[in-house]
Amino acid sequence: MTAAAPRCTCLAFDATDNGDGTGTWEAMASAPAGDPMLQRIGQEMQAVEHWVAEQAPGHRGPQDEGGEWDADIAATHDGGWTTLTLTLTGPWAWGEACVSALQEAGGPGVA
Protein backbone atom coordinates (compact mmCIF):
# COMPACT_ATOMS: atom_id res chain seq x y z
CA MET A 1 0.00 0.00 0.00
CA THR A 2 1.63 3.20 -1.14
CA ALA A 3 -0.71 6.17 -0.65
CA ALA A 4 -1.49 7.28 2.89
CA ALA A 5 -4.85 6.10 4.16
CA PRO A 6 -7.42 8.85 4.81
CA ARG A 7 -8.06 9.91 8.38
CA CYS A 8 -11.38 8.40 9.40
CA THR A 9 -13.17 10.15 12.23
CA CYS A 10 -16.72 8.94 11.59
CA LEU A 11 -16.34 5.35 10.40
CA ALA A 12 -15.96 2.06 12.24
CA PHE A 13 -16.03 -1.12 10.16
CA ASP A 14 -17.72 -4.42 10.94
CA ALA A 15 -16.00 -7.35 9.23
CA THR A 16 -17.66 -10.53 7.96
CA ASP A 17 -15.63 -13.51 6.76
CA ASN A 18 -17.55 -14.90 3.79
CA GLY A 19 -15.86 -18.29 4.21
CA ASP A 20 -14.44 -18.45 0.70
CA GLY A 21 -11.32 -16.33 1.12
CA THR A 22 -13.30 -13.12 0.75
CA GLY A 23 -14.86 -10.73 3.21
CA THR A 24 -17.29 -7.88 3.59
CA TRP A 25 -16.49 -4.72 5.59
CA GLU A 26 -19.32 -2.32 6.38
CA ALA A 27 -19.33 1.09 8.00
CA MET A 28 -22.51 3.01 8.84
CA ALA A 29 -23.05 6.51 10.16
CA SER A 30 -26.27 8.45 10.75
CA ALA A 31 -27.27 12.04 11.31
CA PRO A 32 -30.49 14.04 11.20
CA ALA A 33 -31.52 15.00 7.68
CA GLY A 34 -29.99 18.34 6.76
CA ASP A 35 -27.26 18.11 9.40
CA PRO A 36 -23.86 19.29 8.05
CA MET A 37 -22.37 16.12 9.56
CA LEU A 38 -23.94 14.16 6.69
CA GLN A 39 -21.69 15.95 4.22
CA ARG A 40 -18.64 15.17 6.36
CA ILE A 41 -19.63 11.49 6.60
CA GLY A 42 -20.20 11.32 2.83
CA GLN A 43 -16.85 12.95 2.10
CA GLU A 44 -15.09 10.53 4.41
CA MET A 45 -16.77 7.56 2.72
CA GLN A 46 -15.81 8.86 -0.73
CA ALA A 47 -12.20 9.36 0.41
CA VAL A 48 -12.09 5.78 1.72
CA GLU A 49 -13.66 4.46 -1.50
CA HIS A 50 -11.08 6.32 -3.60
CA TRP A 51 -8.20 5.15 -1.41
CA VAL A 52 -9.22 1.47 -1.45
CA ALA A 53 -9.51 1.69 -5.25
CA GLU A 54 -5.84 2.71 -5.31
CA GLN A 55 -5.05 -0.44 -3.27
CA ALA A 56 -7.19 -2.63 -5.56
CA PRO A 57 -6.26 -6.30 -5.86
CA GLY A 58 -7.65 -6.44 -9.39
CA HIS A 59 -10.77 -5.68 -11.43
CA ARG A 60 -13.58 -3.86 -9.63
CA GLY A 61 -17.06 -5.31 -9.84
CA PRO A 62 -19.36 -7.91 -8.33
CA GLN A 63 -17.64 -11.24 -7.71
CA ASP A 64 -20.27 -13.15 -9.72
CA GLU A 65 -19.39 -10.93 -12.71
CA GLY A 66 -15.64 -11.56 -12.44
CA GLY A 67 -14.78 -8.68 -10.11
CA GLU A 68 -12.14 -9.17 -7.44
CA TRP A 69 -13.35 -6.35 -5.18
CA ASP A 70 -16.15 -3.81 -4.98
CA ALA A 71 -17.35 -0.84 -2.96
CA ASP A 72 -20.76 0.73 -2.55
CA ILE A 73 -22.08 3.80 -0.77
CA ALA A 74 -25.81 3.83 -0.04
CA ALA A 75 -28.16 6.20 1.77
CA THR A 76 -31.41 5.43 3.57
CA HIS A 77 -33.84 7.89 5.10
CA ASP A 78 -36.08 7.09 8.07
CA GLY A 79 -37.81 9.25 10.63
CA GLY A 80 -35.92 12.42 9.82
CA TRP A 81 -32.53 10.66 9.91
CA THR A 82 -30.21 9.73 7.06
CA THR A 83 -27.94 6.70 7.33
CA LEU A 84 -24.97 6.36 5.01
CA THR A 85 -23.44 2.92 4.53
CA LEU A 86 -20.11 2.05 2.92
CA THR A 87 -19.68 -1.61 1.98
CA LEU A 88 -16.40 -3.08 0.77
CA THR A 89 -16.05 -6.64 -0.55
CA GLY A 90 -12.98 -8.47 -1.73
CA PRO A 91 -10.17 -10.83 -0.79
CA TRP A 92 -9.88 -11.24 2.97
CA ALA A 93 -6.20 -10.28 3.22
CA TRP A 94 -6.71 -7.15 1.09
CA GLY A 95 -9.73 -5.94 3.06
CA GLU A 96 -8.10 -6.58 6.42
CA ALA A 97 -4.97 -4.68 5.30
CA CYS A 98 -7.08 -1.76 4.06
CA VAL A 99 -9.19 -1.54 7.21
CA SER A 100 -6.11 -1.92 9.40
CA ALA A 101 -4.45 1.00 7.58
CA LEU A 102 -7.61 3.08 7.99
CA GLN A 103 -7.64 2.28 11.70
CA GLU A 104 -3.98 3.26 12.04
CA ALA A 105 -4.81 6.52 10.29
CA GLY A 106 -6.89 7.51 13.30
CA GLY A 107 -10.31 6.06 12.65
CA PRO A 108 -12.59 4.83 15.38
CA GLY A 109 -11.65 1.24 14.66
CA VAL A 110 -12.88 -2.08 13.46
CA ALA A 111 -15.55 -4.12 15.22
C-alpha atoms as a PDB file:
ATOM      1  CA  MET A   1       0.000   0.000   0.000  1.00  0.00           C
ATOM      2  CA  THR A   2       1.629   3.202  -1.142  1.00  0.00           C
ATOM      3  CA  ALA A   3      -0.715   6.168  -0.650  1.00  0.00           C
ATOM      4  CA  ALA A   4      -1.492   7.279   2.891  1.00  0.00           C
ATOM      5  CA  ALA A   5      -4.850   6.103   4.165  1.00  0.00           C
ATOM      6  CA  PRO A   6      -7.415   8.846   4.806  1.00  0.00           C
ATOM      7  CA  ARG A   7      -8.061   9.907   8.377  1.00  0.00           C
ATOM      8  CA  CYS A   8     -11.380   8.398   9.400  1.00  0.00           C
ATOM      9  CA  THR A   9     -13.170  10.151  12.233  1.00  0.00           C
ATOM     10  CA  CYS A  10     -16.723   8.944  11.587  1.00  0.00           C
ATOM     11  CA  LEU A  11     -16.338   5.353  10.400  1.00  0.00           C
ATOM     12  CA  ALA A  12     -15.960   2.062  12.242  1.00  0.00           C
ATOM     13  CA  PHE A  13     -16.029  -1.121  10.155  1.00  0.00           C
ATOM     14  CA  ASP A  14     -17.722  -4.424  10.940  1.00  0.00           C
ATOM     15  CA  ALA A  15     -16.001  -7.354   9.225  1.00  0.00           C
ATOM     16  CA  THR A  16     -17.658 -10.532   7.962  1.00  0.00           C
ATOM     17  CA  ASP A  17     -15.631 -13.515   6.757  1.00  0.00           C
ATOM     18  CA  ASN A  18     -17.548 -14.904   3.786  1.00  0.00           C
ATOM     19  CA  GLY A  19     -15.858 -18.291   4.215  1.00  0.00           C
ATOM     20  CA  ASP A  20     -14.442 -18.445   0.695  1.00  0.00           C
ATOM     21  CA  GLY A  21     -11.317 -16.333   1.124  1.00  0.00           C
ATOM     22  CA  THR A  22     -13.303 -13.117   0.747  1.00  0.00           C
ATOM     23  CA  GLY A  23     -14.856 -10.735   3.213  1.00  0.00           C
ATOM     24  CA  THR A  24     -17.286  -7.875   3.591  1.00  0.00           C
ATOM     25  CA  TRP A  25     -16.492  -4.724   5.585  1.00  0.00           C
ATOM     26  CA  GLU A  26     -19.322  -2.322   6.376  1.00  0.00           C
ATOM     27  CA  ALA A  27     -19.328   1.092   8.003  1.00  0.00           C
ATOM     28  CA  MET A  28     -22.507   3.007   8.844  1.00  0.00           C
ATOM     29  CA  ALA A  29     -23.053   6.506  10.163  1.00  0.00           C
ATOM     30  CA  SER A  30     -26.269   8.446  10.745  1.00  0.00           C
ATOM     31  CA  ALA A  31     -27.269  12.042  11.314  1.00  0.00           C
ATOM     32  CA  PRO A  32     -30.487  14.042  11.202  1.00  0.00           C
ATOM     33  CA  ALA A  33     -31.520  14.998   7.680  1.00  0.00           C
ATOM     34  CA  GLY A  34     -29.991  18.340   6.757  1.00  0.00           C
ATOM     35  CA  ASP A  35     -27.255  18.109   9.398  1.00  0.00           C
ATOM     36  CA  PRO A  36     -23.862  19.292   8.054  1.00  0.00           C
ATOM     37  CA  MET A  37     -22.372  16.120   9.565  1.00  0.00           C
ATOM     38  CA  LEU A  38     -23.936  14.156   6.688  1.00  0.00           C
ATOM     39  CA  GLN A  39     -21.689  15.951   4.218  1.00  0.00           C
ATOM     40  CA  ARG A  40     -18.641  15.167   6.359  1.00  0.00           C
ATOM     41  CA  ILE A  41     -19.629  11.486   6.595  1.00  0.00           C
ATOM     42  CA  GLY A  42     -20.201  11.320   2.830  1.00  0.00           C
ATOM     43  CA  GLN A  43     -16.851  12.946   2.096  1.00  0.00           C
ATOM     44  CA  GLU A  44     -15.093  10.526   4.413  1.00  0.00           C
ATOM     45  CA  MET A  45     -16.768   7.558   2.722  1.00  0.00           C
ATOM     46  CA  GLN A  46     -15.808   8.863  -0.728  1.00  0.00           C
ATOM     47  CA  ALA A  47     -12.202   9.359   0.412  1.00  0.00           C
ATOM     48  CA  VAL A  48     -12.092   5.777   1.721  1.00  0.00           C
ATOM     49  CA  GLU A  49     -13.661   4.460  -1.496  1.00  0.00           C
ATOM     50  CA  HIS A  50     -11.082   6.325  -3.599  1.00  0.00           C
ATOM     51  CA  TRP A  51      -8.201   5.146  -1.409  1.00  0.00           C
ATOM     52  CA  VAL A  52      -9.221   1.467  -1.453  1.00  0.00           C
ATOM     53  CA  ALA A  53      -9.512   1.695  -5.251  1.00  0.00           C
ATOM     54  CA  GLU A  54      -5.840   2.708  -5.313  1.00  0.00           C
ATOM     55  CA  GLN A  55      -5.054  -0.437  -3.270  1.00  0.00           C
ATOM     56  CA  ALA A  56      -7.191  -2.628  -5.558  1.00  0.00           C
ATOM     57  CA  PRO A  57      -6.255  -6.296  -5.857  1.00  0.00           C
ATOM     58  CA  GLY A  58      -7.653  -6.443  -9.392  1.00  0.00           C
ATOM     59  CA  HIS A  59     -10.767  -5.679 -11.429  1.00  0.00           C
ATOM     60  CA  ARG A  60     -13.577  -3.856  -9.631  1.00  0.00           C
ATOM     61  CA  GLY A  61     -17.057  -5.312  -9.838  1.00  0.00           C
ATOM     62  CA  PRO A  62     -19.361  -7.912  -8.334  1.00  0.00           C
ATOM     63  CA  GLN A  63     -17.638 -11.239  -7.711  1.00  0.00           C
ATOM     64  CA  ASP A  64     -20.270 -13.145  -9.724  1.00  0.00           C
ATOM     65  CA  GLU A  65     -19.388 -10.932 -12.706  1.00  0.00           C
ATOM     66  CA  GLY A  66     -15.638 -11.555 -12.444  1.00  0.00           C
ATOM     67  CA  GLY A  67     -14.776  -8.684 -10.113  1.00  0.00           C
ATOM     68  CA  GLU A  68     -12.145  -9.167  -7.439  1.00  0.00           C
ATOM     69  CA  TRP A  69     -13.348  -6.352  -5.181  1.00  0.00           C
ATOM     70  CA  ASP A  70     -16.146  -3.807  -4.982  1.00  0.00           C
ATOM     71  CA  ALA A  71     -17.351  -0.842  -2.956  1.00  0.00           C
ATOM     72  CA  ASP A  72     -20.761   0.733  -2.551  1.00  0.00           C
ATOM     73  CA  ILE A  73     -22.079   3.801  -0.768  1.00  0.00           C
ATOM     74  CA  ALA A  74     -25.806   3.833  -0.036  1.00  0.00           C
ATOM     75  CA  ALA A  75     -28.165   6.202   1.768  1.00  0.00           C
ATOM     76  CA  THR A  76     -31.413   5.427   3.570  1.00  0.00           C
ATOM     77  CA  HIS A  77     -33.840   7.894   5.104  1.00  0.00           C
ATOM     78  CA  ASP A  78     -36.077   7.094   8.065  1.00  0.00           C
ATOM     79  CA  GLY A  79     -37.813   9.250  10.633  1.00  0.00           C
ATOM     80  CA  GLY A  80     -35.918  12.418   9.820  1.00  0.00           C
ATOM     81  CA  TRP A  81     -32.529  10.664   9.907  1.00  0.00           C
ATOM     82  CA  THR A  82     -30.211   9.733   7.062  1.00  0.00           C
ATOM     83  CA  THR A  83     -27.939   6.697   7.334  1.00  0.00           C
ATOM     84  CA  LEU A  84     -24.974   6.362   5.009  1.00  0.00           C
ATOM     85  CA  THR A  85     -23.442   2.915   4.531  1.00  0.00           C
ATOM     86  CA  LEU A  86     -20.111   2.054   2.922  1.00  0.00           C
ATOM     87  CA  THR A  87     -19.683  -1.611   1.983  1.00  0.00           C
ATOM     88  CA  LEU A  88     -16.395  -3.077   0.769  1.00  0.00           C
ATOM     89  CA  THR A  89     -16.052  -6.636  -0.552  1.00  0.00           C
ATOM     90  CA  GLY A  90     -12.984  -8.472  -1.731  1.00  0.00           C
ATOM     91  CA  PRO A  91     -10.170 -10.832  -0.791  1.00  0.00           C
ATOM     92  CA  TRP A  92      -9.881 -11.242   2.972  1.00  0.00           C
ATOM     93  CA  ALA A  93      -6.197 -10.277   3.223  1.00  0.00           C
ATOM     94  CA  TRP A  94      -6.713  -7.151   1.086  1.00  0.00           C
ATOM     95  CA  GLY A  95      -9.731  -5.945   3.058  1.00  0.00           C
ATOM     96  CA  GLU A  96      -8.099  -6.578   6.422  1.00  0.00           C
ATOM     97  CA  ALA A  97      -4.970  -4.685   5.302  1.00  0.00           C
ATOM     98  CA  CYS A  98      -7.076  -1.760   4.064  1.00  0.00           C
ATOM     99  CA  VAL A  99      -9.194  -1.540   7.213  1.00  0.00           C
ATOM    100  CA  SER A 100      -6.107  -1.917   9.399  1.00  0.00           C
ATOM    101  CA  ALA A 101      -4.450   0.997   7.583  1.00  0.00           C
ATOM    102  CA  LEU A 102      -7.615   3.081   7.994  1.00  0.00           C
ATOM    103  CA  GLN A 103      -7.639   2.282  11.698  1.00  0.00           C
ATOM    104  CA  GLU A 104      -3.980   3.258  12.038  1.00  0.00           C
ATOM    105  CA  ALA A 105      -4.809   6.518  10.288  1.00  0.00           C
ATOM    106  CA  GLY A 106      -6.890   7.510  13.296  1.00  0.00           C
ATOM    107  CA  GLY A 107     -10.314   6.061  12.648  1.00  0.00           C
ATOM    108  CA  PRO A 108     -12.593   4.830  15.384  1.00  0.00           C
ATOM    109  CA  GLY A 109     -11.649   1.239  14.658  1.00  0.00           C
ATOM    110  CA  VAL A 110     -12.879  -2.079  13.463  1.00  0.00           C
ATOM    111  CA  ALA A 111     -15.548  -4.116  15.218  1.00  0.00           C
END
